PDB file of N, CA and C in Angstrom:
ATOM      1  N   MET A   1       0.835  -1.182   0.000  1.00  0.00           N
ATOM      2  CA  MET A   1       0.000   0.000   0.000  1.00  0.00           C
ATOM      3  C   MET A   1       0.879   1.244   0.000  1.00  0.00           C
ATOM      4  N   GLU A   2       0.476   2.235  -0.752  1.00  0.00           N
ATOM      5  CA  GLU A   2       1.203   3.495  -0.808  1.00  0.00           C
ATOM      6  C   GLU A   2       0.939   4.297   0.463  1.00  0.00           C
ATOM      7  N   LYS A   3       1.997   4.882   1.010  1.00  0.00           N
ATOM      8  CA  LYS A   3       1.873   5.682   2.232  1.00  0.00           C
ATOM      9  C   LYS A   3       1.098   6.953   1.940  1.00  0.00           C
ATOM     10  N   GLY A   4       0.180   7.300   2.833  1.00  0.00           N
ATOM     11  CA  GLY A   4      -0.594   8.530   2.713  1.00  0.00           C
ATOM     12  C   GLY A   4      -0.014   9.600   3.605  1.00  0.00           C
ATOM     13  N   PRO A   5      -0.795  10.621   3.901  1.00  0.00           N
ATOM     14  CA  PRO A   5      -0.329  11.701   4.762  1.00  0.00           C
ATOM     15  C   PRO A   5       0.002  11.191   6.164  1.00  0.00           C
ATOM     16  N   GLN A   6       0.900  11.870   6.826  1.00  0.00           N
ATOM     17  CA  GLN A   6       1.289  11.500   8.184  1.00  0.00           C
ATOM     18  C   GLN A   6       0.115  11.657   9.138  1.00  0.00           C
ATOM     19  N   PRO A   7      -0.061  10.679  10.040  1.00  0.00           N
ATOM     20  CA  PRO A   7      -1.159  10.777  11.009  1.00  0.00           C
ATOM     21  C   PRO A   7      -1.115  12.085  11.795  1.00  0.00           C
ATOM     22  N   HIS A   8      -2.292  12.642  11.989  1.00  0.00           N
ATOM     23  CA  HIS A   8      -2.522  13.842  12.805  1.00  0.00           C
ATOM     24  C   HIS A   8      -1.969  15.114  12.178  1.00  0.00           C
ATOM     25  N   SER A   9      -1.647  15.071  10.895  1.00  0.00           N
ATOM     26  CA  SER A   9      -1.298  16.290  10.176  1.00  0.00           C
ATOM     27  C   SER A   9      -2.597  16.896   9.643  1.00  0.00           C
ATOM     28  N   ALA A  10      -2.521  18.140   9.189  1.00  0.00           N
ATOM     29  CA  ALA A  10      -3.708  18.797   8.635  1.00  0.00           C
ATOM     30  C   ALA A  10      -4.222  18.024   7.414  1.00  0.00           C
ATOM     31  N   GLU A  11      -3.306  17.539   6.588  1.00  0.00           N
ATOM     32  CA  GLU A  11      -3.692  16.788   5.390  1.00  0.00           C
ATOM     33  C   GLU A  11      -4.373  15.467   5.771  1.00  0.00           C
ATOM     34  N   TYR A  12      -3.854  14.822   6.808  1.00  0.00           N
ATOM     35  CA  TYR A  12      -4.422  13.568   7.311  1.00  0.00           C
ATOM     36  C   TYR A  12      -5.847  13.803   7.811  1.00  0.00           C
ATOM     37  N   ASP A  13      -6.023  14.845   8.641  1.00  0.00           N
ATOM     38  CA  ASP A  13      -7.360  15.142   9.169  1.00  0.00           C
ATOM     39  C   ASP A  13      -8.337  15.506   8.061  1.00  0.00           C
ATOM     40  N   LYS A  14      -7.857  16.208   7.048  1.00  0.00           N
ATOM     41  CA  LYS A  14      -8.718  16.572   5.914  1.00  0.00           C
ATOM     42  C   LYS A  14      -9.147  15.312   5.146  1.00  0.00           C
ATOM     43  N   ARG A  15      -8.214  14.400   4.975  1.00  0.00           N
ATOM     44  CA  ARG A  15      -8.519  13.149   4.273  1.00  0.00           C
ATOM     45  C   ARG A  15      -9.554  12.339   5.065  1.00  0.00           C
ATOM     46  N   ILE A  16      -9.379  12.292   6.386  1.00  0.00           N
ATOM     47  CA  ILE A  16     -10.335  11.580   7.231  1.00  0.00           C
ATOM     48  C   ILE A  16     -11.703  12.247   7.154  1.00  0.00           C
ATOM     49  N   SER A  17     -11.743  13.562   7.211  1.00  0.00           N
ATOM     50  CA  SER A  17     -13.028  14.279   7.136  1.00  0.00           C
ATOM     51  C   SER A  17     -13.748  13.978   5.833  1.00  0.00           C
ATOM     52  N   ARG A  18     -13.020  13.933   4.717  1.00  0.00           N
ATOM     53  CA  ARG A  18     -13.638  13.608   3.422  1.00  0.00           C
ATOM     54  C   ARG A  18     -14.197  12.189   3.427  1.00  0.00           C
ATOM     55  N   LEU A  19     -13.447  11.259   4.018  1.00  0.00           N
ATOM     56  CA  LEU A  19     -13.926   9.877   4.084  1.00  0.00           C
ATOM     57  C   LEU A  19     -15.176   9.768   4.942  1.00  0.00           C
ATOM     58  N   ILE A  20     -15.175  10.422   6.092  1.00  0.00           N
ATOM     59  CA  ILE A  20     -16.357  10.407   6.958  1.00  0.00           C
ATOM     60  C   ILE A  20     -17.556  10.980   6.213  1.00  0.00           C
ATOM     61  N   GLU A  21     -17.336  12.059   5.500  1.00  0.00           N
ATOM     62  CA  GLU A  21     -18.423  12.682   4.727  1.00  0.00           C
ATOM     63  C   GLU A  21     -18.964  11.712   3.672  1.00  0.00           C
ATOM     64  N   ARG A  22     -18.070  11.030   2.953  1.00  0.00           N
ATOM     65  CA  ARG A  22     -18.517  10.072   1.922  1.00  0.00           C
ATOM     66  C   ARG A  22     -19.268   8.906   2.552  1.00  0.00           C
ATOM     67  N   LEU A  23     -18.777   8.413   3.691  1.00  0.00           N
ATOM     68  CA  LEU A  23     -19.453   7.294   4.351  1.00  0.00           C
ATOM     69  C   LEU A  23     -20.821   7.714   4.872  1.00  0.00           C
ATOM     70  N   ARG A  24     -20.934   8.912   5.405  1.00  0.00           N
ATOM     71  CA  ARG A  24     -22.238   9.394   5.871  1.00  0.00           C
ATOM     72  C   ARG A  24     -23.204   9.567   4.702  1.00  0.00           C
ATOM     73  N   GLU A  25     -22.683  10.001   3.575  1.00  0.00           N
ATOM     74  CA  GLU A  25     -23.527  10.130   2.380  1.00  0.00           C
ATOM     75  C   GLU A  25     -24.041   8.750   1.977  1.00  0.00           C
ATOM     76  N   LYS A  26     -23.180   7.750   2.049  1.00  0.00           N
ATOM     77  CA  LYS A  26     -23.608   6.385   1.717  1.00  0.00           C
ATOM     78  C   LYS A  26     -24.653   5.884   2.719  1.00  0.00           C
ATOM     79  N   GLN A  27     -24.530   6.292   3.989  1.00  0.00           N
ATOM     80  CA  GLN A  27     -25.530   5.908   4.985  1.00  0.00           C
ATOM     81  C   GLN A  27     -26.906   6.464   4.638  1.00  0.00           C
ATOM     82  N   SER A  28     -26.949   7.589   3.946  1.00  0.00           N
ATOM     83  CA  SER A  28     -28.231   8.235   3.649  1.00  0.00           C
ATOM     84  C   SER A  28     -29.015   7.518   2.550  1.00  0.00           C
ATOM     85  N   TRP A  29     -28.366   6.633   1.818  1.00  0.00           N
ATOM     86  CA  TRP A  29     -29.082   5.878   0.795  1.00  0.00           C
ATOM     87  C   TRP A  29     -30.103   4.968   1.468  1.00  0.00           C
ATOM     88  N   LYS A  30     -31.137   4.606   0.742  1.00  0.00           N
ATOM     89  CA  LYS A  30     -32.232   3.794   1.287  1.00  0.00           C
ATOM     90  C   LYS A  30     -31.775   2.346   1.518  1.00  0.00           C
ATOM     91  N   SER A  31     -32.120   1.821   2.697  1.00  0.00           N
ATOM     92  CA  SER A  31     -31.767   0.441   3.052  1.00  0.00           C
ATOM     93  C   SER A  31     -32.815  -0.563   2.592  1.00  0.00           C
ATOM     94  N   GLU A  32     -34.004  -0.090   2.278  1.00  0.00           N
ATOM     95  CA  GLU A  32     -35.086  -0.983   1.855  1.00  0.00           C
ATOM     96  C   GLU A  32     -34.717  -1.657   0.535  1.00  0.00           C
ATOM     97  N   ILE A  33     -35.287  -2.801   0.345  1.00  0.00           N
ATOM     98  CA  ILE A  33     -35.110  -3.504  -0.924  1.00  0.00           C
ATOM     99  C   ILE A  33     -36.359  -3.252  -1.748  1.00  0.00           C
ATOM    100  N   PRO A  34     -36.228  -2.542  -2.862  1.00  0.00           N
ATOM    101  CA  PRO A  34     -37.412  -2.204  -3.669  1.00  0.00           C
ATOM    102  C   PRO A  34     -37.999  -3.443  -4.341  1.00  0.00           C
ATOM    103  N   ASN A  35     -39.251  -3.331  -4.717  1.00  0.00           N
ATOM    104  CA  ASN A  35     -39.927  -4.442  -5.384  1.00  0.00           C
ATOM    105  C   ASN A  35     -39.378  -4.691  -6.778  1.00  0.00           C
ATOM    106  N   GLU A  36     -38.934  -3.640  -7.422  1.00  0.00           N
ATOM    107  CA  GLU A  36     -38.413  -3.786  -8.784  1.00  0.00           C
ATOM    108  C   GLU A  36     -36.905  -3.944  -8.760  1.00  0.00           C
ATOM    109  N   ILE A  37     -36.373  -4.625  -9.754  1.00  0.00           N
ATOM    110  CA  ILE A  37     -34.933  -4.765  -9.892  1.00  0.00           C
ATOM    111  C   ILE A  37     -34.399  -3.462 -10.484  1.00  0.00           C
ATOM    112  N   LEU A  38     -33.376  -2.917  -9.830  1.00  0.00           N
ATOM    113  CA  LEU A  38     -32.810  -1.650 -10.287  1.00  0.00           C
ATOM    114  C   LEU A  38     -31.610  -1.923 -11.184  1.00  0.00           C
ATOM    115  N   SER A  39     -31.694  -1.438 -12.399  1.00  0.00           N
ATOM    116  CA  SER A  39     -30.578  -1.575 -13.328  1.00  0.00           C
ATOM    117  C   SER A  39     -29.792  -0.267 -13.338  1.00  0.00           C
ATOM    118  N   GLY A  40     -28.673  -0.268 -14.023  1.00  0.00           N
ATOM    119  CA  GLY A  40     -27.874   0.950 -14.146  1.00  0.00           C
ATOM    120  C   GLY A  40     -28.639   2.065 -14.835  1.00  0.00           C
ATOM    121  N   ALA A  41     -29.625   1.715 -15.643  1.00  0.00           N
ATOM    122  CA  ALA A  41     -30.405   2.721 -16.365  1.00  0.00           C
ATOM    123  C   ALA A  41     -31.593   3.228 -15.549  1.00  0.00           C
ATOM    124  N   SER A  42     -31.833   2.625 -14.417  1.00  0.00           N
ATOM    125  CA  SER A  42     -32.975   3.011 -13.591  1.00  0.00           C
ATOM    126  C   SER A  42     -32.812   4.438 -13.074  1.00  0.00           C
ATOM    127  N   PRO A  43     -33.900   5.220 -13.109  1.00  0.00           N
ATOM    128  CA  PRO A  43     -33.820   6.586 -12.584  1.00  0.00           C
ATOM    129  C   PRO A  43     -33.725   6.618 -11.050  1.00  0.00           C
ATOM    130  N   ILE A  44     -34.050   5.513 -10.416  1.00  0.00           N
ATOM    131  CA  ILE A  44     -33.979   5.419  -8.961  1.00  0.00           C
ATOM    132  C   ILE A  44     -32.547   5.007  -8.607  1.00  0.00           C
ATOM    133  N   LYS A  45     -31.811   5.906  -7.960  1.00  0.00           N
ATOM    134  CA  LYS A  45     -30.382   5.662  -7.757  1.00  0.00           C
ATOM    135  C   LYS A  45     -29.973   5.425  -6.312  1.00  0.00           C
ATOM    136  N   ASP A  46     -30.734   5.864  -5.332  1.00  0.00           N
ATOM    137  CA  ASP A  46     -30.218   5.938  -3.968  1.00  0.00           C
ATOM    138  C   ASP A  46     -30.623   4.768  -3.070  1.00  0.00           C
ATOM    139  N   TYR A  47     -30.440   3.552  -3.574  1.00  0.00           N
ATOM    140  CA  TYR A  47     -30.710   2.343  -2.798  1.00  0.00           C
ATOM    141  C   TYR A  47     -29.411   1.576  -2.575  1.00  0.00           C
ATOM    142  N   LYS A  48     -29.263   1.041  -1.373  1.00  0.00           N
ATOM    143  CA  LYS A  48     -28.055   0.294  -1.030  1.00  0.00           C
ATOM    144  C   LYS A  48     -27.983  -1.066  -1.722  1.00  0.00           C
ATOM    145  N   VAL A  49     -29.063  -1.511  -2.309  1.00  0.00           N
ATOM    146  CA  VAL A  49     -29.024  -2.786  -3.034  1.00  0.00           C
ATOM    147  C   VAL A  49     -28.225  -2.654  -4.328  1.00  0.00           C
ATOM    148  N   ARG A  50     -28.037  -1.454  -4.796  1.00  0.00           N
ATOM    149  CA  ARG A  50     -27.330  -1.235  -6.065  1.00  0.00           C
ATOM    150  C   ARG A  50     -25.864  -1.618  -5.921  1.00  0.00           C
ATOM    151  N   LYS A  51     -25.358  -2.329  -6.862  1.00  0.00           N
ATOM    152  CA  LYS A  51     -23.960  -2.776  -6.791  1.00  0.00           C
ATOM    153  C   LYS A  51     -22.998  -1.584  -6.885  1.00  0.00           C
ATOM    154  N   ASN A  52     -23.419  -0.493  -7.498  1.00  0.00           N
ATOM    155  CA  ASN A  52     -22.566   0.707  -7.524  1.00  0.00           C
ATOM    156  C   ASN A  52     -22.337   1.244  -6.114  1.00  0.00           C
ATOM    157  N   TRP A  53     -23.344   1.136  -5.247  1.00  0.00           N
ATOM    158  CA  TRP A  53     -23.178   1.566  -3.856  1.00  0.00           C
ATOM    159  C   TRP A  53     -22.080   0.733  -3.199  1.00  0.00           C
ATOM    160  N   TRP A  54     -22.107  -0.566  -3.451  1.00  0.00           N
ATOM    161  CA  TRP A  54     -21.113  -1.475  -2.872  1.00  0.00           C
ATOM    162  C   TRP A  54     -19.721  -1.205  -3.423  1.00  0.00           C
ATOM    163  N   SER A  55     -19.628  -0.903  -4.703  1.00  0.00           N
ATOM    164  CA  SER A  55     -18.318  -0.590  -5.296  1.00  0.00           C
ATOM    165  C   SER A  55     -17.729   0.671  -4.675  1.00  0.00           C
ATOM    166  N   GLY A  56     -18.562   1.686  -4.506  1.00  0.00           N
ATOM    167  CA  GLY A  56     -18.097   2.920  -3.871  1.00  0.00           C
ATOM    168  C   GLY A  56     -17.700   2.695  -2.423  1.00  0.00           C
ATOM    169  N   LEU A  57     -18.464   1.862  -1.726  1.00  0.00           N
ATOM    170  CA  LEU A  57     -18.142   1.546  -0.337  1.00  0.00           C
ATOM    171  C   LEU A  57     -16.808   0.808  -0.263  1.00  0.00           C
ATOM    172  N   ALA A  58     -16.581  -0.108  -1.172  1.00  0.00           N
ATOM    173  CA  ALA A  58     -15.310  -0.846  -1.200  1.00  0.00           C
ATOM    174  C   ALA A  58     -14.143   0.118  -1.428  1.00  0.00           C
ATOM    175  N   GLN A  59     -14.309   1.087  -2.312  1.00  0.00           N
ATOM    176  CA  GLN A  59     -13.250   2.071  -2.541  1.00  0.00           C
ATOM    177  C   GLN A  59     -12.977   2.871  -1.273  1.00  0.00           C
ATOM    178  N   ASP A  60     -14.034   3.276  -0.595  1.00  0.00           N
ATOM    179  CA  ASP A  60     -13.856   4.021   0.654  1.00  0.00           C
ATOM    180  C   ASP A  60     -13.186   3.154   1.720  1.00  0.00           C
ATOM    181  N   PHE A  61     -13.591   1.905   1.823  1.00  0.00           N
ATOM    182  CA  PHE A  61     -12.984   1.015   2.818  1.00  0.00           C
ATOM    183  C   PHE A  61     -11.509   0.752   2.497  1.00  0.00           C
ATOM    184  N   TYR A  62     -11.164   0.724   1.227  1.00  0.00           N
ATOM    185  CA  TYR A  62      -9.755   0.574   0.868  1.00  0.00           C
ATOM    186  C   TYR A  62      -8.964   1.779   1.386  1.00  0.00           C
ATOM    187  N   SER A  63      -9.513   2.965   1.217  1.00  0.00           N
ATOM    188  CA  SER A  63      -8.858   4.177   1.727  1.00  0.00           C
ATOM    189  C   SER A  63      -8.777   4.159   3.247  1.00  0.00           C
ATOM    190  N   VAL A  64      -9.843   3.714   3.903  1.00  0.00           N
ATOM    191  CA  VAL A  64      -9.856   3.613   5.368  1.00  0.00           C
ATOM    192  C   VAL A  64      -8.768   2.645   5.821  1.00  0.00           C
ATOM    193  N   LYS A  65      -8.681   1.523   5.147  1.00  0.00           N
ATOM    194  CA  LYS A  65      -7.671   0.522   5.496  1.00  0.00           C
ATOM    195  C   LYS A  65      -6.270   1.128   5.414  1.00  0.00           C
ATOM    196  N   GLN A  66      -6.035   1.894   4.388  1.00  0.00           N
ATOM    197  CA  GLN A  66      -4.734   2.543   4.196  1.00  0.00           C
ATOM    198  C   GLN A  66      -4.458   3.542   5.331  1.00  0.00           C
ATOM    199  N   ILE A  67      -5.436   4.348   5.671  1.00  0.00           N
ATOM    200  CA  ILE A  67      -5.283   5.342   6.740  1.00  0.00           C
ATOM    201  C   ILE A  67      -5.020   4.657   8.086  1.00  0.00           C
ATOM    202  N   LEU A  68      -5.810   3.633   8.383  1.00  0.00           N
ATOM    203  CA  LEU A  68      -5.642   2.944   9.662  1.00  0.00           C
ATOM    204  C   LEU A  68      -4.284   2.259   9.749  1.00  0.00           C
ATOM    205  N   ALA A  69      -3.866   1.630   8.670  1.00  0.00           N
ATOM    206  CA  ALA A  69      -2.562   0.965   8.660  1.00  0.00           C
ATOM    207  C   ALA A  69      -1.434   1.981   8.829  1.00  0.00           C
ATOM    208  N   ASP A  70      -1.532   3.112   8.135  1.00  0.00           N
ATOM    209  CA  ASP A  70      -0.504   4.158   8.238  1.00  0.00           C
ATOM    210  C   ASP A  70      -0.399   4.713   9.646  1.00  0.00           C
ATOM    211  N   SER A  71      -1.528   4.763  10.359  1.00  0.00           N
ATOM    212  CA  SER A  71      -1.533   5.324  11.705  1.00  0.00           C
ATOM    213  C   SER A  71      -1.217   4.276  12.775  1.00  0.00           C
ATOM    214  N   GLY A  72      -1.076   3.013  12.356  1.00  0.00           N
ATOM    215  CA  GLY A  72      -0.788   1.942  13.307  1.00  0.00           C
ATOM    216  C   GLY A  72      -2.027   1.412  14.017  1.00  0.00           C
ATOM    217  N   ASN A  73      -3.196   1.884  13.610  1.00  0.00           N
ATOM    218  CA  ASN A  73      -4.450   1.445  14.212  1.00  0.00           C
ATOM    219  C   ASN A  73      -4.998   0.284  13.382  1.00  0.00           C
ATOM    220  N   THR A  74      -4.805  -0.915  13.863  1.00  0.00           N
ATOM    221  CA  THR A  74      -5.187  -2.091  13.083  1.00  0.00           C
ATOM    222  C   THR A  74      -6.442  -2.794  13.608  1.00  0.00           C
ATOM    223  N   SER A  75      -7.127  -2.191  14.568  1.00  0.00           N
ATOM    224  CA  SER A  75      -8.248  -2.877  15.220  1.00  0.00           C
ATOM    225  C   SER A  75      -9.370  -3.280  14.262  1.00  0.00           C
ATOM    226  N   LEU A  76      -9.676  -2.456  13.268  1.00  0.00           N
ATOM    227  CA  LEU A  76     -10.774  -2.774  12.340  1.00  0.00           C
ATOM    228  C   LEU A  76     -10.313  -3.460  11.052  1.00  0.00           C
ATOM    229  N   LEU A  77      -9.011  -3.603  10.879  1.00  0.00           N
ATOM    230  CA  LEU A  77      -8.524  -4.177   9.624  1.00  0.00           C
ATOM    231  C   LEU A  77      -9.067  -5.584   9.361  1.00  0.00           C
ATOM    232  N   PRO A  78      -9.168  -6.472  10.367  1.00  0.00           N
ATOM    233  CA  PRO A  78      -9.752  -7.791  10.065  1.00  0.00           C
ATOM    234  C   PRO A  78     -11.198  -7.710   9.582  1.00  0.00           C
ATOM    235  N   GLU A  79     -11.992  -6.803  10.150  1.00  0.00           N
ATOM    236  CA  GLU A  79     -13.387  -6.668   9.709  1.00  0.00           C
ATOM    237  C   GLU A  79     -13.470  -6.090   8.298  1.00  0.00           C
ATOM    238  N   ILE A  80     -12.587  -5.161   7.994  1.00  0.00           N
ATOM    239  CA  ILE A  80     -12.564  -4.596   6.637  1.00  0.00           C
ATOM    240  C   ILE A  80     -12.111  -5.661   5.641  1.00  0.00           C
ATOM    241  N   ASP A  81     -11.099  -6.438   6.010  1.00  0.00           N
ATOM    242  CA  ASP A  81     -10.664  -7.543   5.140  1.00  0.00           C
ATOM    243  C   ASP A  81     -11.798  -8.536   4.915  1.00  0.00           C
ATOM    244  N   GLN A  82     -12.555  -8.824   5.968  1.00  0.00           N
ATOM    245  CA  GLN A  82     -13.690  -9.742   5.828  1.00  0.00           C
ATOM    246  C   GLN A  82     -14.754  -9.163   4.896  1.00  0.00           C
ATOM    247  N   PHE A  83     -14.944  -7.848   4.947  1.00  0.00           N
ATOM    248  CA  PHE A  83     -15.867  -7.196   4.018  1.00  0.00           C
ATOM    249  C   PHE A  83     -15.458  -7.500   2.573  1.00  0.00           C
ATOM    250  N   PHE A  84     -14.160  -7.348   2.273  1.00  0.00           N
ATOM    251  CA  PHE A  84     -13.691  -7.608   0.904  1.00  0.00           C
ATOM    252  C   PHE A  84     -13.845  -9.085   0.538  1.00  0.00           C
ATOM    253  N   ILE A  85     -13.601  -9.974   1.484  1.00  0.00           N
ATOM    254  CA  ILE A  85     -13.748 -11.407   1.225  1.00  0.00           C
ATOM    255  C   ILE A  85     -15.211 -11.751   0.939  1.00  0.00           C
ATOM    256  N   THR A  86     -16.118 -11.151   1.696  1.00  0.00           N
ATOM    257  CA  THR A  86     -17.542 -11.456   1.555  1.00  0.00           C
ATOM    258  C   THR A  86     -18.179 -10.760   0.364  1.00  0.00           C
ATOM    259  N   PHE A  87     -17.899  -9.467   0.223  1.00  0.00           N
ATOM    260  CA  PHE A  87     -18.638  -8.663  -0.764  1.00  0.00           C
ATOM    261  C   PHE A  87     -17.833  -8.300  -2.008  1.00  0.00           C
ATOM    262  N   GLY A  88     -16.613  -8.774  -2.085  1.00  0.00           N
ATOM    263  CA  GLY A  88     -15.788  -8.475  -3.255  1.00  0.00           C
ATOM    264  C   GLY A  88     -15.666  -9.636  -4.208  1.00  0.00           C
ATOM    265  N   THR A  89     -16.663 -10.491  -4.217  1.00  0.00           N
ATOM    266  CA  THR A  89     -16.601 -11.699  -5.040  1.00  0.00           C
ATOM    267  C   THR A  89     -17.586 -11.631  -6.207  1.00  0.00           C
ATOM    268  N   ASP A  90     -17.327 -12.440  -7.198  1.00  0.00           N
ATOM    269  CA  ASP A  90     -18.277 -12.558  -8.311  1.00  0.00           C
ATOM    270  C   ASP A  90     -19.608 -13.110  -7.816  1.00  0.00           C
ATOM    271  N   GLU A  91     -19.548 -14.037  -6.856  1.00  0.00           N
ATOM    272  CA  GLU A  91     -20.780 -14.607  -6.310  1.00  0.00           C
ATOM    273  C   GLU A  91     -21.685 -13.501  -5.763  1.00  0.00           C
ATOM    274  N   PHE A  92     -21.103 -12.590  -4.984  1.00  0.00           N
ATOM    275  CA  PHE A  92     -21.901 -11.491  -4.442  1.00  0.00           C
ATOM    276  C   PHE A  92     -22.389 -10.580  -5.568  1.00  0.00           C
ATOM    277  N   TYR A  93     -21.519 -10.274  -6.498  1.00  0.00           N
ATOM    278  CA  TYR A  93     -21.870  -9.346  -7.572  1.00  0.00           C
ATOM    279  C   TYR A  93     -23.063  -9.833  -8.391  1.00  0.00           C
ATOM    280  N   TYR A  94     -23.157 -11.136  -8.593  1.00  0.00           N
ATOM    281  CA  TYR A  94     -24.202 -11.673  -9.474  1.00  0.00           C
ATOM    282  C   TYR A  94     -25.445 -12.164  -8.748  1.00  0.00           C
ATOM    283  N   ARG A  95     -25.484 -12.033  -7.442  1.00  0.00           N
ATOM    284  CA  ARG A  95     -26.701 -12.432  -6.729  1.00  0.00           C
ATOM    285  C   ARG A  95     -27.396 -11.181  -6.188  1.00  0.00           C
ATOM    286  N   PRO A  96     -28.674 -11.283  -5.891  1.00  0.00           N
ATOM    287  CA  PRO A  96     -29.369 -10.132  -5.314  1.00  0.00           C
ATOM    288  C   PRO A  96     -28.810  -9.791  -3.926  1.00  0.00           C
ATOM    289  N   THR A  97     -28.750  -8.523  -3.640  1.00  0.00           N
ATOM    290  CA  THR A  97     -28.334  -8.053  -2.324  1.00  0.00           C
ATOM    291  C   THR A  97     -29.444  -8.339  -1.323  1.00  0.00           C
ATOM    292  N   THR A  98     -29.076  -8.822  -0.145  1.00  0.00           N
ATOM    293  CA  THR A  98     -30.065  -9.145   0.882  1.00  0.00           C
ATOM    294  C   THR A  98     -30.076  -8.081   1.971  1.00  0.00           C
ATOM    295  N   LYS A  99     -31.120  -8.108   2.764  1.00  0.00           N
ATOM    296  CA  LYS A  99     -31.229  -7.218   3.925  1.00  0.00           C
ATOM    297  C   LYS A  99     -30.055  -7.461   4.880  1.00  0.00           C
ATOM    298  N   GLU A 100     -29.664  -8.726   5.036  1.00  0.00           N
ATOM    299  CA  GLU A 100     -28.534  -9.068   5.916  1.00  0.00           C
ATOM    300  C   GLU A 100     -27.234  -8.463   5.397  1.00  0.00           C
ATOM    301  N   ASP A 101     -27.040  -8.467   4.075  1.00  0.00           N
ATOM    302  CA  ASP A 101     -25.851  -7.844   3.486  1.00  0.00           C
ATOM    303  C   ASP A 101     -25.792  -6.363   3.872  1.00  0.00           C
ATOM    304  N   ILE A 102     -26.923  -5.702   3.695  1.00  0.00           N
ATOM    305  CA  ILE A 102     -27.002  -4.269   3.981  1.00  0.00           C
ATOM    306  C   ILE A 102     -26.748  -4.009   5.465  1.00  0.00           C
ATOM    307  N   GLU A 103     -27.334  -4.829   6.319  1.00  0.00           N
ATOM    308  CA  GLU A 103     -27.134  -4.652   7.765  1.00  0.00           C
ATOM    309  C   GLU A 103     -25.669  -4.823   8.156  1.00  0.00           C
ATOM    310  N   LYS A 104     -24.984  -5.811   7.576  1.00  0.00           N
ATOM    311  CA  LYS A 104     -23.561  -6.013   7.860  1.00  0.00           C
ATOM    312  C   LYS A 104     -22.747  -4.796   7.417  1.00  0.00           C
ATOM    313  N   ALA A 105     -23.041  -4.299   6.236  1.00  0.00           N
ATOM    314  CA  ALA A 105     -22.315  -3.130   5.726  1.00  0.00           C
ATOM    315  C   ALA A 105     -22.573  -1.906   6.600  1.00  0.00           C
ATOM    316  N   GLU A 106     -23.823  -1.711   6.993  1.00  0.00           N
ATOM    317  CA  GLU A 106     -24.160  -0.555   7.840  1.00  0.00           C
ATOM    318  C   GLU A 106     -23.447  -0.616   9.184  1.00  0.00           C
ATOM    319  N   MET A 107     -23.369  -1.813   9.769  1.00  0.00           N
ATOM    320  CA  MET A 107     -22.669  -1.950  11.053  1.00  0.00           C
ATOM    321  C   MET A 107     -21.192  -1.599  10.911  1.00  0.00           C
ATOM    322  N   LEU A 108     -20.581  -2.046   9.817  1.00  0.00           N
ATOM    323  CA  LEU A 108     -19.166  -1.740   9.610  1.00  0.00           C
ATOM    324  C   LEU A 108     -18.962  -0.255   9.318  1.00  0.00           C
ATOM    325  N   ILE A 109     -19.842   0.342   8.553  1.00  0.00           N
ATOM    326  CA  ILE A 109     -19.749   1.788   8.300  1.00  0.00           C
ATOM    327  C   ILE A 109     -19.785   2.547   9.621  1.00  0.00           C
ATOM    328  N   ASN A 110     -20.717   2.183  10.503  1.00  0.00           N
ATOM    329  CA  ASN A 110     -20.821   2.859  11.801  1.00  0.00           C
ATOM    330  C   ASN A 110     -19.530   2.720  12.602  1.00  0.00           C
ATOM    331  N   LYS A 111     -18.961   1.519  12.638  1.00  0.00           N
ATOM    332  CA  LYS A 111     -17.710   1.294  13.361  1.00  0.00           C
ATOM    333  C   LYS A 111     -16.568   2.110  12.761  1.00  0.00           C
ATOM    334  N   VAL A 112     -16.502   2.134  11.439  1.00  0.00           N
ATOM    335  CA  VAL A 112     -15.427   2.857  10.756  1.00  0.00           C
ATOM    336  C   VAL A 112     -15.537   4.352  11.022  1.00  0.00           C
ATOM    337  N   ILE A 113     -16.734   4.905  10.918  1.00  0.00           N
ATOM    338  CA  ILE A 113     -16.910   6.342  11.173  1.00  0.00           C
ATOM    339  C   ILE A 113     -16.485   6.675  12.599  1.00  0.00           C
ATOM    340  N   LEU A 114     -16.898   5.880  13.551  1.00  0.00           N
ATOM    341  CA  LEU A 114     -16.519   6.112  14.945  1.00  0.00           C
ATOM    342  C   LEU A 114     -14.999   6.062  15.111  1.00  0.00           C
ATOM    343  N   GLU A 115     -14.387   5.075  14.504  1.00  0.00           N
ATOM    344  CA  GLU A 115     -12.922   4.940  14.592  1.00  0.00           C
ATOM    345  C   GLU A 115     -12.219   6.127  13.942  1.00  0.00           C
ATOM    346  N   LEU A 116     -12.714   6.569  12.800  1.00  0.00           N
ATOM    347  CA  LEU A 116     -12.102   7.723  12.126  1.00  0.00           C
ATOM    348  C   LEU A 116     -12.295   8.997  12.942  1.00  0.00           C
ATOM    349  N   GLU A 117     -13.477   9.162  13.495  1.00  0.00           N
ATOM    350  CA  GLU A 117     -13.723  10.355  14.344  1.00  0.00           C
ATOM    351  C   GLU A 117     -12.792  10.340  15.553  1.00  0.00           C
ATOM    352  N   ASN A 118     -12.631   9.176  16.163  1.00  0.00           N
ATOM    353  CA  ASN A 118     -11.747   9.077  17.318  1.00  0.00           C
ATOM    354  C   ASN A 118     -10.293   9.363  16.936  1.00  0.00           C
ATOM    355  N   SER A 119      -9.901   8.949  15.748  1.00  0.00           N
ATOM    356  CA  SER A 119      -8.510   9.165  15.325  1.00  0.00           C
ATOM    357  C   SER A 119      -8.245  10.649  15.072  1.00  0.00           C
ATOM    358  N   GLN A 120      -9.281  11.410  14.734  1.00  0.00           N
ATOM    359  CA  GLN A 120      -9.114  12.866  14.546  1.00  0.00           C
ATOM    360  C   GLN A 120      -8.959  13.578  15.877  1.00  0.00           C
ATOM    361  N   ASN A 121      -9.515  13.019  16.931  1.00  0.00           N
ATOM    362  CA  ASN A 121      -9.496  13.677  18.242  1.00  0.00           C
ATOM    363  C   ASN A 121      -8.215  13.421  19.014  1.00  0.00           C
ATOM    364  N   ILE A 122      -7.354  12.570  18.485  1.00  0.00           N
ATOM    365  CA  ILE A 122      -6.082  12.297  19.150  1.00  0.00           C
ATOM    366  C   ILE A 122      -5.077  13.344  18.698  1.00  0.00           C
ATOM    367  N   THR A 123      -4.453  14.004  19.638  1.00  0.00           N
ATOM    368  CA  THR A 123      -3.448  15.010  19.278  1.00  0.00           C
ATOM    369  C   THR A 123      -2.107  14.678  19.861  1.00  0.00           C
TER     370      THR A 123
END
């Protein structure tokens, strides 16, 4: 992994703030599973069942993993790795997203946001 900004620098805190903002935006998407199948062409975009939501979340979690590793905070790395093992597969990509999938992702998002917020408060 490429080294990012030094922990607790202004650039580091700015990067964390952007990640928290992106994760909170992802939290605002609808958790319900709609009756209709949503395709990429669907005008309805803000549902967590959409695979694009999962791809964006994976990108954010990759950045989180990098930040946590750079800062020496490895407590959530096993859970983030498990996220990639579970949701980064072709099997997941080609099957319908379940309520349980969404709940697991939401729990990890909450943990990650809390961890990132706590890392900003350390001086």
